[in-house]
Structure formats: structure tokens, C-alpha cells
N, C-alpha and C. Protein backbone atom coordinates (compact mmCIF):
# COMPACT_ATOMS: atom_id res chain seq x y z
N MET A 1 103.10 109.61 109.00
CA MET A 1 103.48 109.55 107.73
C MET A 1 102.64 110.14 107.51
N GLU A 2 101.03 110.71 107.64
CA GLU A 2 99.78 111.76 106.72
C GLU A 2 100.20 112.69 106.55
N LYS A 3 100.63 113.66 107.88
CA LYS A 3 101.02 114.79 107.79
C LYS A 3 102.32 115.51 106.93
N ASP A 4 103.67 114.09 107.40
CA ASP A 4 104.62 114.68 106.97
C ASP A 4 104.74 114.60 105.72
N GLY A 5 104.19 112.98 105.64
CA GLY A 5 104.66 112.70 104.09
C GLY A 5 103.79 113.65 103.39
N ARG A 6 102.66 114.35 103.48
CA ARG A 6 101.88 115.10 102.57
C ARG A 6 102.70 116.29 102.39
N ASP A 7 103.20 117.09 103.68
CA ASP A 7 103.68 118.09 103.57
C ASP A 7 105.00 117.85 102.26
N ALA A 8 105.99 116.82 102.76
CA ALA A 8 107.26 117.10 101.67
C ALA A 8 107.20 116.16 100.28
N GLN A 9 105.27 116.00 100.35
CA GLN A 9 104.82 115.16 98.88
C GLN A 9 104.36 117.17 97.80
N THR A 10 103.79 117.23 98.89
CA THR A 10 103.64 118.47 97.80
C THR A 10 104.36 119.37 97.86
N SER A 11 105.78 119.72 99.32
CA SER A 11 106.63 120.57 98.53
C SER A 11 107.80 120.05 97.35
N LEU A 12 107.75 118.76 97.37
CA LEU A 12 108.61 118.26 96.05
C LEU A 12 107.84 118.38 95.19
N ARG A 13 106.30 118.12 94.51
CA ARG A 13 105.85 119.22 93.75
C ARG A 13 106.09 120.15 93.15
N ASN A 14 106.32 120.78 93.90
CA ASN A 14 106.22 122.96 93.66
C ASN A 14 107.83 122.82 93.37
N THR A 15 108.63 122.19 94.15
CA THR A 15 110.04 122.51 93.92
C THR A 15 110.38 123.37 92.60
N PHE A 16 109.88 123.14 91.88
CA PHE A 16 109.91 123.29 89.98
C PHE A 16 109.85 124.39 89.46
N GLU A 17 109.05 125.40 90.49
CA GLU A 17 108.63 126.54 89.56
C GLU A 17 108.90 126.76 90.99
N ARG A 18 108.93 128.66 91.26
CA ARG A 18 109.46 129.19 91.88
C ARG A 18 107.65 129.05 93.48
N PHE A 19 108.32 128.69 94.74
CA PHE A 19 106.73 128.93 95.36
C PHE A 19 107.15 129.18 96.82
N ASN A 20 105.69 129.40 97.50
CA ASN A 20 106.34 129.53 99.34
C ASN A 20 104.80 128.00 99.81
N TYR A 21 105.56 128.20 100.44
CA TYR A 21 104.26 126.63 101.43
C TYR A 21 104.83 126.84 102.74
N GLN A 22 103.53 126.98 102.89
CA GLN A 22 103.52 126.65 104.75
C GLN A 22 102.66 125.53 105.29
N GLY A 23 103.68 124.62 105.54
CA GLY A 23 103.42 123.71 106.03
C GLY A 23 103.81 123.18 107.99
N GLU A 24 102.89 122.27 108.14
CA GLU A 24 102.71 121.81 110.09
C GLU A 24 104.83 121.34 110.60
N PHE A 25 105.14 120.41 108.98
CA PHE A 25 107.14 120.72 109.24
C PHE A 25 107.89 121.20 108.47
N PHE A 26 107.77 121.35 107.62
CA PHE A 26 108.52 122.96 107.28
C PHE A 26 107.63 123.38 106.24
N SER A 27 108.81 124.44 105.90
CA SER A 27 108.03 125.94 104.96
C SER A 27 108.90 126.32 104.37
N PRO A 28 109.59 126.90 103.31
CA PRO A 28 109.22 127.11 102.24
C PRO A 28 109.30 128.13 101.61
N THR A 29 110.36 129.40 101.90
CA THR A 29 109.71 130.57 101.49
C THR A 29 111.05 130.93 100.04
N ASN A 30 110.08 131.35 98.86
CA ASN A 30 110.14 131.63 97.74
C ASN A 30 111.24 130.67 97.33
N ALA A 31 111.18 129.83 97.57
CA ALA A 31 112.15 128.43 96.82
C ALA A 31 111.80 127.74 95.48
N ARG A 32 112.92 127.30 94.68
CA ARG A 32 112.92 126.78 93.64
C ARG A 32 114.42 125.92 93.17
N LEU A 33 114.02 124.82 92.94
CA LEU A 33 115.30 123.95 91.73
C LEU A 33 114.87 124.28 90.38
N LYS A 34 116.48 124.59 90.02
CA LYS A 34 116.60 124.41 88.50
C LYS A 34 116.79 123.37 87.89
N LEU A 35 116.28 122.21 87.62
CA LEU A 35 116.05 120.66 86.83
C LEU A 35 115.66 120.82 85.51
N ARG A 36 115.86 119.87 84.28
CA ARG A 36 115.12 120.13 83.22
C ARG A 36 112.82 120.20 82.95
N SER A 37 113.54 118.75 83.90
CA SER A 37 112.10 118.13 83.96
C SER A 37 111.50 117.72 85.16
N SER A 38 110.70 117.97 85.73
CA SER A 38 110.42 117.23 86.67
C SER A 38 110.46 115.66 87.32
N PRO A 39 111.31 115.74 87.77
CA PRO A 39 111.22 113.94 88.10
C PRO A 39 110.16 113.66 89.09
N ARG A 40 109.66 112.53 88.67
CA ARG A 40 108.54 111.63 89.05
C ARG A 40 109.01 111.35 90.54
N ILE A 41 107.48 111.50 91.41
CA ILE A 41 108.27 111.20 92.59
C ILE A 41 107.73 109.79 92.65
N ALA A 42 107.93 108.36 93.90
CA ALA A 42 108.10 107.17 94.12
C ALA A 42 108.00 107.37 95.93
N VAL A 43 106.79 106.76 95.88
CA VAL A 43 107.09 106.58 97.51
C VAL A 43 106.43 105.33 98.08
N ALA A 44 107.56 104.61 99.09
CA ALA A 44 107.58 103.48 99.46
C ALA A 44 105.86 103.18 100.53
N ALA A 45 105.37 102.12 100.10
CA ALA A 45 104.11 102.38 101.30
C ALA A 45 103.64 100.81 101.86
N LEU A 46 103.48 100.08 102.87
CA LEU A 46 103.11 98.90 103.63
C LEU A 46 101.82 98.37 103.53
N ASN A 47 100.90 99.31 104.02
CA ASN A 47 100.00 99.09 104.63
C ASN A 47 98.62 99.76 103.52
N PRO A 48 97.04 99.48 103.65
CA PRO A 48 96.55 100.10 103.01
C PRO A 48 96.37 101.47 103.07
N LYS A 49 95.76 101.62 103.60
CA LYS A 49 96.59 103.15 104.49
C LYS A 49 97.47 104.21 103.12
N MET A 50 98.34 103.90 103.77
CA MET A 50 99.74 104.40 102.98
C MET A 50 99.89 104.17 102.02
N ILE A 51 98.97 102.99 100.91
CA ILE A 51 98.77 102.74 99.66
C ILE A 51 98.61 103.38 98.80
N ARG A 52 97.13 104.54 100.36
CA ARG A 52 96.11 105.48 98.95
C ARG A 52 96.67 106.30 98.79
N LEU A 53 96.88 106.85 100.08
CA LEU A 53 97.85 108.04 100.58
C LEU A 53 98.78 108.43 100.23
N ALA A 54 99.93 107.27 99.28
CA ALA A 54 101.13 107.67 98.45
C ALA A 54 100.53 107.71 96.92
N SER A 55 99.38 106.67 96.74
CA SER A 55 98.80 106.81 95.27
C SER A 55 98.29 108.43 95.34
N GLN A 56 97.76 108.73 95.90
CA GLN A 56 96.80 110.08 95.44
C GLN A 56 98.19 111.03 95.17
N HIS A 57 99.13 111.46 95.62
CA HIS A 57 99.96 111.89 96.06
C HIS A 57 101.41 111.71 95.19
N ALA A 58 102.16 110.63 94.84
CA ALA A 58 103.17 110.47 94.38
C ALA A 58 102.83 109.47 92.41
N ASP A 59 103.76 109.32 91.88
CA ASP A 59 103.64 109.14 91.02
C ASP A 59 103.90 107.21 90.36
N GLN A 60 104.41 106.58 91.82
CA GLN A 60 104.60 105.43 91.69
C GLN A 60 104.81 104.94 93.10
N VAL A 61 104.53 103.73 93.60
CA VAL A 61 104.00 103.49 94.97
C VAL A 61 104.88 101.95 95.24
N ILE A 62 106.20 102.22 95.60
CA ILE A 62 106.04 100.84 95.98
C ILE A 62 106.05 100.15 97.28
N LEU A 63 105.31 98.61 96.93
CA LEU A 63 105.61 97.87 97.45
C LEU A 63 106.53 97.01 97.90
N ASN A 64 107.23 96.80 99.50
CA ASN A 64 107.94 96.04 99.50
C ASN A 64 108.04 94.81 100.84
N LEU A 65 108.58 93.83 100.03
CA LEU A 65 108.03 92.53 100.27
C LEU A 65 107.29 92.06 100.71
N TYR A 66 106.62 92.41 99.10
CA TYR A 66 105.18 91.93 99.22
C TYR A 66 105.36 90.27 98.35
N PRO A 67 104.49 89.70 98.49
CA PRO A 67 104.12 87.84 98.34
C PRO A 67 103.14 88.41 97.21
N VAL A 68 103.91 88.11 95.13
CA VAL A 68 102.95 87.33 94.76
C VAL A 68 102.08 87.59 94.60
N GLU A 69 101.50 86.46 95.19
CA GLU A 69 100.24 86.32 95.45
C GLU A 69 99.63 87.09 96.86
N LYS A 70 99.80 88.40 96.85
CA LYS A 70 99.16 89.44 97.57
C LYS A 70 99.04 90.59 97.16
N VAL A 71 99.51 90.94 96.20
CA VAL A 71 100.00 92.00 95.50
C VAL A 71 98.49 92.44 94.25
N LYS A 72 97.50 91.04 94.09
CA LYS A 72 96.65 91.29 93.61
C LYS A 72 95.56 92.00 94.90
N TYR A 73 95.72 92.24 95.57
CA TYR A 73 94.48 93.09 96.65
C TYR A 73 94.79 94.22 97.06
N VAL A 74 96.08 94.70 96.98
CA VAL A 74 96.35 95.87 96.86
C VAL A 74 96.59 96.76 95.43
N LEU A 75 96.45 96.42 94.55
CA LEU A 75 96.85 97.00 92.75
C LEU A 75 95.65 97.58 93.53
N PRO A 76 94.52 97.65 93.47
CA PRO A 76 93.12 98.19 93.62
C PRO A 76 94.14 100.03 94.24
N LEU A 77 93.95 99.81 94.84
CA LEU A 77 94.10 100.96 96.00
C LEU A 77 95.33 101.66 95.74
N THR A 78 96.39 101.71 94.48
CA THR A 78 97.87 102.55 94.08
C THR A 78 96.45 103.49 93.06
N LYS A 79 95.37 103.22 92.34
CA LYS A 79 94.97 104.07 91.18
C LYS A 79 95.41 104.17 90.19
N SER A 80 95.68 105.80 90.49
CA SER A 80 96.56 106.24 89.26
C SER A 80 98.21 106.58 89.38
N ALA A 81 98.54 105.70 90.35
CA ALA A 81 100.47 105.53 89.94
C ALA A 81 100.51 104.23 89.82
N GLU A 82 101.38 104.57 89.21
CA GLU A 82 102.10 103.17 89.08
C GLU A 82 102.93 102.65 90.29
N SER A 83 102.97 101.08 89.32
CA SER A 83 103.01 100.13 90.85
C SER A 83 104.44 99.42 91.20
N SER A 84 104.85 99.21 92.13
CA SER A 84 106.42 98.64 91.83
C SER A 84 106.52 97.78 93.48
N VAL A 85 106.83 96.82 92.92
CA VAL A 85 107.82 96.21 94.42
C VAL A 85 109.28 95.89 94.06
N MET A 86 109.14 96.56 95.55
CA MET A 86 110.88 95.60 95.97
C MET A 86 111.32 94.39 96.27
N LEU A 87 111.96 93.33 95.18
CA LEU A 87 112.56 91.95 95.16
C LEU A 87 113.59 92.06 95.59
N TYR A 88 113.90 91.73 97.22
CA TYR A 88 115.08 91.22 97.61
C TYR A 88 115.28 90.20 97.32
N CYS A 89 116.96 89.72 96.66
CA CYS A 89 117.36 89.00 96.60
C CYS A 89 118.93 88.59 96.67
N VAL A 90 118.97 87.11 96.79
CA VAL A 90 120.84 86.69 97.31
C VAL A 90 120.17 85.33 96.61
N ILE A 91 121.13 85.57 95.68
CA ILE A 91 121.75 84.63 94.63
C ILE A 91 122.78 83.74 94.95
N ALA A 92 122.13 82.96 95.22
CA ALA A 92 123.07 81.20 95.83
C ALA A 92 121.72 80.84 97.25
N SER A 93 122.09 79.82 97.30
CA SER A 93 121.07 78.49 98.54
C SER A 93 122.16 77.49 98.92
N ASP A 94 123.37 78.37 99.82
CA ASP A 94 123.34 77.86 100.57
C ASP A 94 123.36 78.24 102.04
N GLU A 95 124.32 77.14 102.85
CA GLU A 95 123.59 77.68 104.66
C GLU A 95 123.97 79.38 104.41
N LYS A 96 125.57 79.65 104.08
CA LYS A 96 124.87 80.99 103.62
C LYS A 96 124.66 82.49 103.38
N ALA A 97 124.08 81.90 101.60
CA ALA A 97 123.30 82.57 101.52
C ALA A 97 121.37 82.28 102.74
N LEU A 98 120.56 81.37 102.65
CA LEU A 98 119.87 81.40 103.44
C LEU A 98 120.24 81.84 104.80
N ASP A 99 121.07 82.41 105.58
CA ASP A 99 121.45 83.06 107.10
C ASP A 99 121.64 84.62 106.45
N ALA A 100 122.04 85.16 105.20
CA ALA A 100 121.53 86.40 104.80
C ALA A 100 120.40 87.03 104.49
N ALA A 101 119.73 85.65 103.65
CA ALA A 101 118.40 86.13 103.98
C ALA A 101 117.75 86.18 104.56
N LYS A 102 117.85 85.33 105.98
CA LYS A 102 116.65 85.53 107.69
C LYS A 102 117.59 86.98 108.24
N GLU A 103 118.35 86.99 107.77
CA GLU A 103 118.80 88.12 108.91
C GLU A 103 118.29 89.71 107.90
N LEU A 104 117.72 89.78 106.47
CA LEU A 104 117.40 90.41 106.30
C LEU A 104 115.68 91.19 106.36
N LEU A 105 115.52 89.14 107.13
CA LEU A 105 113.83 90.04 106.82
C LEU A 105 114.11 90.28 108.54
N ALA A 106 114.83 89.04 109.62
CA ALA A 106 114.25 89.33 111.02
C ALA A 106 115.04 91.24 110.92
N PHE A 107 115.59 91.29 109.95
CA PHE A 107 116.36 93.14 109.96
C PHE A 107 115.19 93.65 109.97
N TYR A 108 113.87 93.60 108.85
CA TYR A 108 112.69 94.52 109.07
C TYR A 108 111.37 94.05 110.45
N GLY A 109 111.56 92.26 110.27
CA GLY A 109 111.19 92.42 111.64
C GLY A 109 111.04 92.82 113.24
N SER A 110 111.75 93.88 112.98
CA SER A 110 112.18 94.50 114.10
C SER A 110 111.38 95.65 114.44
N SER A 111 110.87 96.03 112.97
CA SER A 111 109.93 97.17 112.80
C SER A 111 108.40 96.58 113.47
N GLN A 112 107.41 97.06 114.45
CA GLN A 112 106.52 96.87 114.24
C GLN A 112 105.75 96.99 113.12
N ALA A 113 106.01 98.22 112.36
CA ALA A 113 104.53 97.97 111.11
C ALA A 113 105.27 97.00 110.00
N TYR A 114 106.09 96.50 110.30
CA TYR A 114 106.67 95.28 109.37
C TYR A 114 106.26 93.82 110.38
N ALA A 115 106.43 94.45 110.98
CA ALA A 115 105.95 92.85 111.60
C ALA A 115 104.15 92.99 111.70
N ARG A 116 103.27 93.93 111.40
CA ARG A 116 101.92 93.42 110.94
C ARG A 116 101.80 93.17 109.25
N LEU A 117 102.67 93.93 109.09
CA LEU A 117 102.51 93.19 107.48
C LEU A 117 103.04 91.45 107.40
N PHE A 118 103.73 91.59 107.67
CA PHE A 118 104.29 89.49 107.94
C PHE A 118 102.92 89.05 108.78
N ALA A 119 101.93 89.09 109.66
CA ALA A 119 100.91 88.92 109.85
C ALA A 119 100.44 88.77 108.83
N SER A 120 100.27 90.08 108.63
CA SER A 120 98.84 90.41 106.80
C SER A 120 99.31 88.65 105.99
N PHE A 121 100.80 88.49 106.22
CA PHE A 121 100.01 87.68 104.97
C PHE A 121 100.30 86.82 105.52
N GLY A 122 99.82 86.30 106.81
CA GLY A 122 99.83 84.88 107.25
C GLY A 122 101.37 84.38 108.22
N PHE A 123 103.00 85.67 108.78
CA PHE A 123 103.46 84.90 109.40
C PHE A 123 103.79 85.53 110.98
N SER A 124 102.48 85.51 111.42
CA SER A 124 101.98 86.11 112.56
C SER A 124 102.77 85.77 113.61
N GLU A 125 103.13 84.49 113.58
CA GLU A 125 104.39 83.45 115.37
C GLU A 125 105.49 83.95 114.74
N GLU A 126 105.59 84.06 113.50
CA GLU A 126 107.15 84.65 113.13
C GLU A 126 107.08 85.95 113.30
N ALA A 127 105.94 86.88 112.97
CA ALA A 127 106.33 88.04 113.15
C ALA A 127 106.56 88.31 114.66
N LYS A 128 105.08 88.04 115.04
CA LYS A 128 105.74 87.94 117.02
C LYS A 128 107.35 87.52 117.45
N ALA A 129 107.92 86.43 116.87
CA ALA A 129 108.97 86.08 118.13
C ALA A 129 109.85 87.02 117.41
N MET A 130 109.91 87.31 115.75
CA MET A 130 111.11 88.28 115.95
C MET A 130 110.42 89.39 117.04
N LEU A 131 109.70 90.26 116.71
CA LEU A 131 109.56 91.32 117.97
C LEU A 131 110.29 91.08 119.21
N ASN A 132 109.60 89.97 120.06
CA ASN A 132 109.83 89.34 121.42
C ASN A 132 111.78 89.09 121.32
N ALA A 133 112.12 88.24 119.94
CA ALA A 133 113.39 88.36 119.92
C ALA A 133 114.36 89.51 119.34
N TRP A 134 113.52 90.82 119.48
CA TRP A 134 114.37 92.22 119.25
C TRP A 134 114.50 92.95 120.12
N GLU A 135 113.46 92.60 121.49
CA GLU A 135 112.81 93.44 122.28
C GLU A 135 114.00 92.90 123.32
N ARG A 136 114.78 91.65 123.22
CA ARG A 136 115.46 91.36 124.11
C ARG A 136 117.20 91.56 123.63
N LYS A 137 116.71 92.37 122.14
CA LYS A 137 118.31 93.01 122.00
C LYS A 137 118.84 91.79 121.22
N ASP A 138 118.33 90.45 120.58
CA ASP A 138 118.80 89.06 120.34
C ASP A 138 118.03 88.47 118.58
N GLY A 139 119.11 89.43 118.22
CA GLY A 139 119.11 89.72 116.30
C GLY A 139 119.78 87.80 115.89
N GLU A 140 120.33 87.33 116.69
CA GLU A 140 120.44 85.97 116.19
C GLU A 140 118.24 84.84 116.70
N GLU A 141 118.36 85.03 118.02
CA GLU A 141 117.13 84.80 118.16
C GLU A 141 115.92 85.09 116.44
N ALA A 142 116.25 86.51 116.47
CA ALA A 142 115.53 86.97 115.81
C ALA A 142 115.27 86.04 114.48
N LYS A 143 117.19 86.15 113.92
CA LYS A 143 116.82 85.31 112.30
C LYS A 143 116.20 83.63 112.37
N ARG A 144 116.14 83.21 113.94
CA ARG A 144 115.91 82.26 113.98
C ARG A 144 114.20 81.82 113.98
N ALA A 145 113.95 82.79 114.35
CA ALA A 145 112.34 82.51 114.18
C ALA A 145 111.91 83.01 111.90
N VAL A 146 112.62 83.50 111.69
CA VAL A 146 112.26 83.83 109.89
C VAL A 146 112.69 81.97 109.92
N THR A 147 111.40 82.01 108.75
CA THR A 147 111.32 80.51 108.33
C THR A 147 111.51 80.27 106.76
N GLN A 148 111.66 79.12 106.19
CA GLN A 148 112.14 79.20 105.12
C GLN A 148 111.04 79.58 104.34
N LYS A 149 109.97 79.30 105.07
CA LYS A 149 108.33 79.96 103.14
C LYS A 149 108.36 81.05 103.17
N MET A 150 108.64 81.86 104.63
CA MET A 150 108.84 83.76 104.95
C MET A 150 109.89 83.83 103.74
N VAL A 151 110.83 83.24 103.90
CA VAL A 151 112.34 83.78 102.54
C VAL A 151 111.93 83.41 101.14
N GLU A 152 110.85 82.18 101.15
CA GLU A 152 110.58 81.86 100.29
C GLU A 152 109.64 82.55 98.55
N ASP A 153 108.73 83.25 99.98
CA ASP A 153 107.49 83.70 99.99
C ASP A 153 108.00 86.09 99.55
N LEU A 154 108.28 85.96 100.00
CA LEU A 154 108.78 87.56 100.35
C LEU A 154 110.25 87.68 99.89
N MET A 155 110.98 87.48 98.78
CA MET A 155 112.11 87.24 98.37
C MET A 155 112.53 86.03 97.36
N VAL A 156 113.73 86.23 97.27
CA VAL A 156 114.36 85.48 96.03
C VAL A 156 115.78 84.58 96.75
N LEU A 157 115.90 83.34 96.86
CA LEU A 157 116.84 82.80 97.66
C LEU A 157 117.33 81.60 96.30
N GLY A 158 117.90 81.75 95.30
CA GLY A 158 118.18 80.79 94.13
C GLY A 158 118.99 81.42 93.56
N ASP A 159 119.07 81.30 92.51
CA ASP A 159 119.65 81.31 90.96
C ASP A 159 119.13 82.19 89.86
N ILE A 160 119.64 82.40 89.47
CA ILE A 160 119.48 83.88 88.36
C ILE A 160 117.86 83.45 88.02
N LYS A 161 117.70 81.83 87.54
CA LYS A 161 116.44 81.60 87.14
C LYS A 161 115.11 81.90 87.73
N LEU A 162 115.21 81.99 89.05
CA LEU A 162 114.18 81.81 90.16
C LEU A 162 114.01 83.50 90.06
N LEU A 163 115.06 84.28 90.30
CA LEU A 163 115.02 85.66 90.20
C LEU A 163 114.42 86.29 88.51
N ARG A 164 114.54 85.81 87.81
CA ARG A 164 113.73 85.91 86.55
C ARG A 164 111.63 85.66 86.48
N ASP A 165 112.25 84.65 86.94
CA ASP A 165 110.74 83.86 87.19
C ASP A 165 110.40 84.48 87.96
N ARG A 166 110.49 84.75 89.01
CA ARG A 166 109.57 85.72 89.87
C ARG A 166 109.33 87.11 89.49
N VAL A 167 110.28 87.53 88.58
CA VAL A 167 109.71 89.38 88.01
C VAL A 167 108.92 89.19 87.38
N LYS A 168 108.87 87.86 86.65
CA LYS A 168 107.69 87.69 85.99
C LYS A 168 106.77 87.48 86.27
N GLN A 169 106.26 87.02 87.24
CA GLN A 169 104.94 86.74 88.06
C GLN A 169 104.95 87.81 89.02
N TYR A 170 105.21 88.74 88.79
CA TYR A 170 105.40 89.92 89.09
C TYR A 170 103.95 91.09 88.34
N HIS A 171 104.58 90.95 87.35
CA HIS A 171 104.33 91.45 85.82
C HIS A 171 103.57 90.87 85.22
N GLU A 172 102.88 89.58 85.72
CA GLU A 172 101.82 88.86 85.08
C GLU A 172 100.37 89.68 86.38
N VAL A 173 101.13 89.73 87.05
CA VAL A 173 99.71 90.30 88.01
C VAL A 173 99.71 91.48 88.37
N GLY A 174 100.53 91.92 87.56
CA GLY A 174 100.44 93.74 86.89
C GLY A 174 100.92 94.38 87.93
N ILE A 175 102.31 94.67 87.79
CA ILE A 175 102.87 95.16 88.87
C ILE A 175 104.09 96.00 87.20
N SER A 176 104.37 97.41 87.68
CA SER A 176 104.71 98.25 86.37
C SER A 176 106.30 97.79 86.36
N GLU A 177 106.94 97.54 87.19
CA GLU A 177 108.18 97.60 87.77
C GLU A 177 109.36 96.76 89.02
N VAL A 178 109.88 96.16 88.46
CA VAL A 178 110.43 95.29 89.67
C VAL A 178 111.69 95.63 89.81
N LEU A 179 111.55 96.64 90.86
CA LEU A 179 113.28 96.96 91.84
C LEU A 179 114.02 95.68 92.62
N ILE A 180 114.98 95.18 91.48
CA ILE A 180 115.71 94.39 92.10
C ILE A 180 116.67 94.45 93.22
N ALA A 181 116.35 94.37 94.57
CA ALA A 181 117.39 94.60 95.24
C ALA A 181 118.67 93.67 96.27
N PRO A 182 120.09 93.25 95.79
CA PRO A 182 120.99 92.26 96.35
C PRO A 182 120.58 92.50 98.02
N SER A 183 120.43 91.37 98.49
CA SER A 183 120.18 91.56 99.77
C SER A 183 121.90 92.63 100.47
N PRO A 184 121.36 92.99 101.27
CA PRO A 184 122.75 94.09 101.92
C PRO A 184 123.23 93.05 103.38
N PHE A 185 122.86 91.76 103.47
CA PHE A 185 123.74 90.93 104.45
C PHE A 185 124.51 89.38 103.89
N GLY A 186 125.60 89.10 104.31
CA GLY A 186 126.13 88.45 104.03
C GLY A 186 127.24 88.69 103.00
N ASP A 187 127.28 87.77 101.41
CA ASP A 187 128.50 88.17 100.87
C ASP A 187 127.86 89.69 100.04
N PHE A 188 128.25 90.54 99.97
CA PHE A 188 126.87 91.33 99.59
C PHE A 188 127.18 91.96 98.00
N LEU A 189 128.84 91.74 98.27
CA LEU A 189 129.34 92.18 96.84
C LEU A 189 129.19 90.90 95.69
N GLU A 190 129.24 90.31 95.98
CA GLU A 190 129.07 88.71 95.28
C GLU A 190 128.35 88.47 94.87
N ASN A 191 126.86 89.33 95.49
CA ASN A 191 125.22 89.43 95.36
C ASN A 191 124.92 90.17 94.30
N ILE A 192 125.81 91.84 94.16
CA ILE A 192 125.61 92.21 93.52
C ILE A 192 125.65 91.79 92.31
N LYS A 193 127.38 91.49 92.00
CA LYS A 193 127.78 90.88 90.98
C LYS A 193 126.98 89.34 90.85
N ALA A 194 126.63 88.77 90.75
CA ALA A 194 126.02 87.94 90.34
C ALA A 194 124.47 88.47 89.45
N VAL A 195 123.99 89.90 90.25
CA VAL A 195 122.46 89.96 89.78
C VAL A 195 122.79 90.99 88.23
N VAL A 196 124.50 91.60 88.25
CA VAL A 196 124.57 92.14 87.85
C VAL A 196 125.09 91.65 85.47
N GLU A 197 125.78 91.05 86.87
CA GLU A 197 126.70 90.27 85.28
C GLU A 197 125.62 88.60 84.99
N ASN A 198 124.80 88.18 85.29
CA ASN A 198 123.66 86.85 85.16
C ASN A 198 122.36 87.04 84.81
N TYR A 199 121.74 89.14 85.38
CA TYR A 199 120.50 88.56 84.66
C TYR A 199 119.98 89.62 83.59
């Protein structure tokens, strides 16, 4: 991410005036986008090194799947960039909803980077079990490795009040913006509708 991410961010910053840029991954010549104002650059980041790099080059750093109590440890790394959290939710609490929440976390658990992130939050056994399951291409086993505590800490599974309370908790610890993301698993359209109509 370091070199290609830096190239991308430098190019984005320069796209509103005519510019040339010689990067390792791309090299635009005499390029320019016509926009009325410069958009803000937001970069998602997981680990401390990524967060520091993103905060140096972006206006906003997005923390994905960060529990409220872990945010305070990385906020000092964001420096002048605004800090945001991507908060996934399933607005229901039945077995289908729990299955959708577990499927979302199991999907992320297929990645070494997210496995390390989950382990840093105290979910080492779950992270290892998910990676092992994905190595065998067994998504159902990966879902079974996701615990109720992981779901409760990393996302919202429940009603709108629980979602509002979690958003408030993030703001109280210093997050400037909470990006509410209805889970793309399970009954996705009903989940979106529940958030849009009731939040």
C-alpha cells in the first residue's frame, strides 16, 4: 500500500490543476479534472502503519471494524486527518440476522490483514480458525468460528436503539463521523430499509 497508495493520493490531490506526475505505478501527463471544488480524500486503514500513512496524505481516515474501546489507541495516529469508523449493522436479532453478521465477519476473516486486526482485538483463536477454514474453502466453518462476542464488539446486531447508542459511543471517544453500513449479507434490502426508515 505504501508506494502505490502514496502515488494514488498524490495524483488525486493534483487532479484539479493541470499537472504531470512521474510515479512508480502511474504517470499522468498534462492531466486535469474540471470540478468546482476539490473533493476530500478518505482512505481506509487497518493497522498503525497504514493509519499513520493515510493521515499524512488524506483528509479523512476510515477505521473499519474497530471496537469502540480500541479506537482511543489509534486516534492519536490520525493527526490532522478526521477520523471515521465504518460501522456494519444488521437491524434484527433472530438466527438469520446472526447468520448474516457472522457471514460478514467471516468474509473479512479470509484476509491475513483482517485476521491480524481481529487478533489485535483479542480474537486470535477466531481469526486463526477463520483463516484455516478459508484455506480449506469452507465458508460455513469460517462462519462457525465467529463468536457472539466478535459480532457484538465489531458491529451492531439488534435494533435501531442499539445502533444509535453505538454511534453515540464512537462520537464520545472522538470519532468525527460514523459511516453506517447495513451488512450486505442476509436480507440486505430489508436491512437497508430498516436503517433508512428508522434511524
